[in-house]
Amino acid sequence: MRALRQEFAASRAAADARGRSERPQSAAASRIIGISLQEAQQILNVSNLNQEEIQKNYDHLFKVNDKSVGGSFYLQSKVVRAKERLDEELRIRAKDEKEKGWKAET
């Protein structure tokens, strides 16, 4: 029983640490979509959040993992989730930039 409590505490601490490493909106997006920003970047092989690079890599990976050409539906779905997560992060960052612009004007 003690080992279970220790494992639970360690798991909670790791989850809390992940949540602190990301901004609150970004952490929420990770929980909702079920994939972290870092994992999404690894899946789509992008280091920067560049919309054109994300779209290019997404199109390629989606096509090569199509079941009709012998690909994996599982991998294709991971590619889709990664794209959704990166798109959400771009949306969050654009919103933050817009809010900073509003604050600078006032």
C-alpha atoms as a PDB file:
ATOM      1  CA  MET A   1       0.000   0.000   0.000  1.00  0.00           C
ATOM      2  CA  ARG A   2       2.865   2.365   0.820  1.00  0.00           C
ATOM      3  CA  ALA A   3       4.481   1.733  -2.568  1.00  0.00           C
ATOM      4  CA  LEU A   4       1.194   2.594  -4.283  1.00  0.00           C
ATOM      5  CA  ARG A   5       1.002   5.908  -2.415  1.00  0.00           C
ATOM      6  CA  GLN A   6       4.592   6.705  -3.331  1.00  0.00           C
ATOM      7  CA  GLU A   7       3.955   5.905  -6.987  1.00  0.00           C
ATOM      8  CA  PHE A   8       0.819   8.050  -6.970  1.00  0.00           C
ATOM      9  CA  ALA A   9       2.714  10.956  -5.371  1.00  0.00           C
ATOM     10  CA  ALA A  10       5.521  10.656  -7.931  1.00  0.00           C
ATOM     11  CA  SER A  11       3.024  10.580 -10.779  1.00  0.00           C
ATOM     12  CA  ARG A  12       1.247  13.663  -9.451  1.00  0.00           C
ATOM     13  CA  ALA A  13       4.555  15.516  -9.029  1.00  0.00           C
ATOM     14  CA  ALA A  14       5.544  14.705 -12.614  1.00  0.00           C
ATOM     15  CA  ALA A  15       2.164  15.897 -13.914  1.00  0.00           C
ATOM     16  CA  ASP A  16       2.449  19.106 -11.888  1.00  0.00           C
ATOM     17  CA  ALA A  17       5.955  19.711 -13.238  1.00  0.00           C
ATOM     18  CA  ARG A  18       4.722  19.279 -16.815  1.00  0.00           C
ATOM     19  CA  GLY A  19       1.934  21.730 -16.124  1.00  0.00           C
ATOM     20  CA  ARG A  20       4.344  24.334 -14.746  1.00  0.00           C
ATOM     21  CA  SER A  21       6.687  24.060 -17.706  1.00  0.00           C
ATOM     22  CA  GLU A  22       3.956  25.226 -20.093  1.00  0.00           C
ATOM     23  CA  ARG A  23       1.809  28.343 -19.962  1.00  0.00           C
ATOM     24  CA  PRO A  24      -1.649  27.692 -18.482  1.00  0.00           C
ATOM     25  CA  GLN A  25      -3.448  27.813 -21.841  1.00  0.00           C
ATOM     26  CA  SER A  26      -0.829  25.621 -23.450  1.00  0.00           C
ATOM     27  CA  ALA A  27      -1.007  23.088 -20.626  1.00  0.00           C
ATOM     28  CA  ALA A  28      -4.793  23.009 -20.962  1.00  0.00           C
ATOM     29  CA  ALA A  29      -4.493  22.375 -24.696  1.00  0.00           C
ATOM     30  CA  SER A  30      -2.109  19.499 -23.997  1.00  0.00           C
ATOM     31  CA  ARG A  31      -4.626  17.932 -21.619  1.00  0.00           C
ATOM     32  CA  ILE A  32      -7.591  18.411 -23.962  1.00  0.00           C
ATOM     33  CA  ILE A  33      -5.889  17.154 -27.123  1.00  0.00           C
ATOM     34  CA  GLY A  34      -3.974  14.494 -25.203  1.00  0.00           C
ATOM     35  CA  ILE A  35      -0.560  15.277 -26.601  1.00  0.00           C
ATOM     36  CA  SER A  36       2.144  17.649 -25.376  1.00  0.00           C
ATOM     37  CA  LEU A  37       3.619  20.393 -27.506  1.00  0.00           C
ATOM     38  CA  GLN A  38       7.016  18.699 -27.466  1.00  0.00           C
ATOM     39  CA  GLU A  39       5.547  15.354 -28.554  1.00  0.00           C
ATOM     40  CA  ALA A  40       3.605  17.037 -31.361  1.00  0.00           C
ATOM     41  CA  GLN A  41       6.784  18.717 -32.592  1.00  0.00           C
ATOM     42  CA  GLN A  42       8.614  15.395 -32.554  1.00  0.00           C
ATOM     43  CA  ILE A  43       5.861  13.603 -34.466  1.00  0.00           C
ATOM     44  CA  LEU A  44       5.780  16.220 -37.213  1.00  0.00           C
ATOM     45  CA  ASN A  45       9.567  16.717 -37.075  1.00  0.00           C
ATOM     46  CA  VAL A  46       9.476  20.488 -36.568  1.00  0.00           C
ATOM     47  CA  SER A  47      11.645  22.485 -34.207  1.00  0.00           C
ATOM     48  CA  ASN A  48       9.992  25.863 -34.734  1.00  0.00           C
ATOM     49  CA  LEU A  49       6.310  26.665 -34.886  1.00  0.00           C
ATOM     50  CA  ASN A  50       6.286  27.635 -38.544  1.00  0.00           C
ATOM     51  CA  GLN A  51       2.862  27.139 -40.147  1.00  0.00           C
ATOM     52  CA  GLU A  52       4.282  26.344 -43.598  1.00  0.00           C
ATOM     53  CA  GLU A  53       6.738  23.748 -42.281  1.00  0.00           C
ATOM     54  CA  ILE A  54       4.062  22.164 -40.091  1.00  0.00           C
ATOM     55  CA  GLN A  55       1.645  21.923 -43.023  1.00  0.00           C
ATOM     56  CA  LYS A  56       4.311  20.503 -45.364  1.00  0.00           C
ATOM     57  CA  ASN A  57       5.362  17.796 -42.905  1.00  0.00           C
ATOM     58  CA  TYR A  58       1.750  17.047 -42.012  1.00  0.00           C
ATOM     59  CA  ASP A  59       0.747  16.590 -45.660  1.00  0.00           C
ATOM     60  CA  HIS A  60       3.671  14.252 -46.290  1.00  0.00           C
ATOM     61  CA  LEU A  61       3.200  12.135 -43.155  1.00  0.00           C
ATOM     62  CA  PHE A  62      -0.571  11.949 -43.589  1.00  0.00           C
ATOM     63  CA  LYS A  63      -0.166  10.747 -47.175  1.00  0.00           C
ATOM     64  CA  VAL A  64       2.501   8.109 -46.487  1.00  0.00           C
ATOM     65  CA  ASN A  65       0.512   6.708 -43.555  1.00  0.00           C
ATOM     66  CA  ASP A  66      -2.722   6.389 -45.537  1.00  0.00           C
ATOM     67  CA  LYS A  67      -4.152   2.910 -45.101  1.00  0.00           C
ATOM     68  CA  SER A  68      -4.883   2.635 -48.839  1.00  0.00           C
ATOM     69  CA  VAL A  69      -1.145   2.755 -49.586  1.00  0.00           C
ATOM     70  CA  GLY A  70      -0.215   0.298 -46.854  1.00  0.00           C
ATOM     71  CA  GLY A  71       0.201   2.853 -44.073  1.00  0.00           C
ATOM     72  CA  SER A  72      -0.915   2.755 -40.486  1.00  0.00           C
ATOM     73  CA  PHE A  73      -4.203   4.281 -39.372  1.00  0.00           C
ATOM     74  CA  TYR A  74      -2.752   4.557 -35.851  1.00  0.00           C
ATOM     75  CA  LEU A  75       0.234   6.575 -37.054  1.00  0.00           C
ATOM     76  CA  GLN A  76      -1.971   8.661 -39.292  1.00  0.00           C
ATOM     77  CA  SER A  77      -4.176   9.519 -36.316  1.00  0.00           C
ATOM     78  CA  LYS A  78      -1.081  10.503 -34.285  1.00  0.00           C
ATOM     79  CA  VAL A  79      -0.082  12.834 -37.130  1.00  0.00           C
ATOM     80  CA  VAL A  80      -3.559  14.415 -37.104  1.00  0.00           C
ATOM     81  CA  ARG A  81      -3.473  14.910 -33.311  1.00  0.00           C
ATOM     82  CA  ALA A  82       0.012  16.419 -33.527  1.00  0.00           C
ATOM     83  CA  LYS A  83      -1.176  18.895 -36.167  1.00  0.00           C
ATOM     84  CA  GLU A  84      -4.200  19.800 -34.043  1.00  0.00           C
ATOM     85  CA  ARG A  85      -1.942  20.437 -31.037  1.00  0.00           C
ATOM     86  CA  LEU A  86       0.473  22.615 -33.006  1.00  0.00           C
ATOM     87  CA  ASP A  87      -2.390  24.545 -34.609  1.00  0.00           C
ATOM     88  CA  GLU A  88      -3.826  25.174 -31.146  1.00  0.00           C
ATOM     89  CA  GLU A  89      -0.445  26.404 -29.890  1.00  0.00           C
ATOM     90  CA  LEU A  90      -0.176  28.782 -32.855  1.00  0.00           C
ATOM     91  CA  ARG A  91      -3.682  30.059 -32.066  1.00  0.00           C
ATOM     92  CA  ILE A  92      -2.764  30.596 -28.402  1.00  0.00           C
ATOM     93  CA  ARG A  93       0.417  32.451 -29.323  1.00  0.00           C
ATOM     94  CA  ALA A  94      -1.391  34.653 -31.838  1.00  0.00           C
ATOM     95  CA  LYS A  95      -3.989  35.502 -29.194  1.00  0.00           C
ATOM     96  CA  ASP A  96      -1.233  36.352 -26.679  1.00  0.00           C
ATOM     97  CA  GLU A  97       0.460  38.615 -29.225  1.00  0.00           C
ATOM     98  CA  LYS A  98      -2.831  40.343 -29.959  1.00  0.00           C
ATOM     99  CA  GLU A  99      -3.465  40.908 -26.239  1.00  0.00           C
ATOM    100  CA  LYS A 100       0.050  42.333 -25.813  1.00  0.00           C
ATOM    101  CA  GLY A 101      -0.689  44.740 -28.635  1.00  0.00           C
ATOM    102  CA  TRP A 102      -3.866  45.867 -26.922  1.00  0.00           C
ATOM    103  CA  LYS A 103      -2.057  46.429 -23.624  1.00  0.00           C
ATOM    104  CA  ALA A 104       0.712  48.410 -25.337  1.00  0.00           C
ATOM    105  CA  GLU A 105      -1.859  50.745 -26.915  1.00  0.00           C
ATOM    106  CA  THR A 106      -3.551  51.547 -23.610  1.00  0.00           C
END
